[in-house]
Amino acid sequence: MSDKDIDQQAERMLEAALGGMTPHQALLESSRAESADIEARAAAIAKNRQRAMKLLEALEKSMD
């Protein structure tokens, strides 16, 4: 297989991996997904904190 054939095959594989997006579009999509994941984790942390506070209040009341 010649270098030209290998380059063409690599280019086709890259295009398939990007799903028709340009490299810039793929980078933006990845960034958006990462931001959404960060926001979801922050929301889960806040919800867990609220649950922990309620549990702590219930434990304190039961000890009185």
C-alpha atoms as a PDB file:
ATOM      1  CA  MET A   1       0.000   0.000   0.000  1.00  0.00           C
ATOM      2  CA  SER A   2       1.445   3.352  -1.013  1.00  0.00           C
ATOM      3  CA  ASP A   3       1.699   6.407   1.230  1.00  0.00           C
ATOM      4  CA  LYS A   4      -1.022   8.072  -0.843  1.00  0.00           C
ATOM      5  CA  ASP A   5      -3.373   5.122  -0.271  1.00  0.00           C
ATOM      6  CA  ILE A   6      -2.630   5.151   3.462  1.00  0.00           C
ATOM      7  CA  ASP A   7      -3.287   8.911   3.625  1.00  0.00           C
ATOM      8  CA  GLN A   8      -6.584   8.523   1.785  1.00  0.00           C
ATOM      9  CA  GLN A   9      -7.651   5.669   4.056  1.00  0.00           C
ATOM     10  CA  ALA A  10      -6.736   7.694   7.155  1.00  0.00           C
ATOM     11  CA  GLU A  11      -8.706  10.671   5.814  1.00  0.00           C
ATOM     12  CA  ARG A  12     -11.788   8.478   5.250  1.00  0.00           C
ATOM     13  CA  MET A  13     -11.483   7.037   8.761  1.00  0.00           C
ATOM     14  CA  LEU A  14     -11.215  10.541  10.244  1.00  0.00           C
ATOM     15  CA  GLU A  15     -14.272  11.717   8.321  1.00  0.00           C
ATOM     16  CA  ALA A  16     -16.233   8.681   9.509  1.00  0.00           C
ATOM     17  CA  ALA A  17     -15.176   9.248  13.106  1.00  0.00           C
ATOM     18  CA  LEU A  18     -16.258  12.888  12.977  1.00  0.00           C
ATOM     19  CA  GLY A  19     -19.683  11.893  11.672  1.00  0.00           C
ATOM     20  CA  GLY A  20     -19.681  14.482   8.905  1.00  0.00           C
ATOM     21  CA  MET A  21     -18.616  17.329  11.183  1.00  0.00           C
ATOM     22  CA  THR A  22     -15.597  19.499  10.592  1.00  0.00           C
ATOM     23  CA  PRO A  23     -12.851  19.238  13.223  1.00  0.00           C
ATOM     24  CA  HIS A  24     -13.948  22.654  14.543  1.00  0.00           C
ATOM     25  CA  GLN A  25     -17.569  21.507  14.865  1.00  0.00           C
ATOM     26  CA  ALA A  26     -16.465  18.326  16.648  1.00  0.00           C
ATOM     27  CA  LEU A  27     -14.427  20.381  19.106  1.00  0.00           C
ATOM     28  CA  LEU A  28     -17.382  22.686  19.810  1.00  0.00           C
ATOM     29  CA  GLU A  29     -19.727  19.732  20.307  1.00  0.00           C
ATOM     30  CA  SER A  30     -17.274  18.104  22.694  1.00  0.00           C
ATOM     31  CA  SER A  31     -16.955  21.338  24.646  1.00  0.00           C
ATOM     32  CA  ARG A  32     -20.743  21.682  24.921  1.00  0.00           C
ATOM     33  CA  ALA A  33     -21.096  18.101  26.122  1.00  0.00           C
ATOM     34  CA  GLU A  34     -18.387  18.639  28.722  1.00  0.00           C
ATOM     35  CA  SER A  35     -20.095  21.814  29.965  1.00  0.00           C
ATOM     36  CA  ALA A  36     -23.418  19.996  30.261  1.00  0.00           C
ATOM     37  CA  ASP A  37     -21.720  17.219  32.211  1.00  0.00           C
ATOM     38  CA  ILE A  38     -20.164  19.738  34.607  1.00  0.00           C
ATOM     39  CA  GLU A  39     -23.546  21.392  35.145  1.00  0.00           C
ATOM     40  CA  ALA A  40     -25.197  18.022  35.806  1.00  0.00           C
ATOM     41  CA  ARG A  41     -22.522  17.113  38.363  1.00  0.00           C
ATOM     42  CA  ALA A  42     -22.926  20.484  40.111  1.00  0.00           C
ATOM     43  CA  ALA A  43     -26.698  19.951  40.298  1.00  0.00           C
ATOM     44  CA  ALA A  44     -26.199  16.449  41.731  1.00  0.00           C
ATOM     45  CA  ILE A  45     -23.781  17.797  44.346  1.00  0.00           C
ATOM     46  CA  ALA A  46     -26.274  20.478  45.386  1.00  0.00           C
ATOM     47  CA  LYS A  47     -29.090  17.928  45.620  1.00  0.00           C
ATOM     48  CA  ASN A  48     -26.932  15.561  47.689  1.00  0.00           C
ATOM     49  CA  ARG A  49     -25.994  18.437  49.997  1.00  0.00           C
ATOM     50  CA  GLN A  50     -29.690  19.221  50.555  1.00  0.00           C
ATOM     51  CA  ARG A  51     -30.419  15.572  51.330  1.00  0.00           C
ATOM     52  CA  ALA A  52     -27.506  15.425  53.771  1.00  0.00           C
ATOM     53  CA  MET A  53     -28.732  18.558  55.553  1.00  0.00           C
ATOM     54  CA  LYS A  54     -32.243  17.093  55.900  1.00  0.00           C
ATOM     55  CA  LEU A  55     -30.803  13.850  57.235  1.00  0.00           C
ATOM     56  CA  LEU A  56     -28.635  15.749  59.710  1.00  0.00           C
ATOM     57  CA  GLU A  57     -31.670  17.743  60.904  1.00  0.00           C
ATOM     58  CA  ALA A  58     -33.659  14.539  61.349  1.00  0.00           C
ATOM     59  CA  LEU A  59     -30.824  12.942  63.326  1.00  0.00           C
ATOM     60  CA  GLU A  60     -30.484  15.997  65.550  1.00  0.00           C
ATOM     61  CA  LYS A  61     -34.229  16.026  66.226  1.00  0.00           C
ATOM     62  CA  SER A  62     -34.212  12.332  67.098  1.00  0.00           C
ATOM     63  CA  MET A  63     -31.401  12.881  69.611  1.00  0.00           C
ATOM     64  CA  ASP A  64     -33.321  15.574  71.536  1.00  0.00           C
END
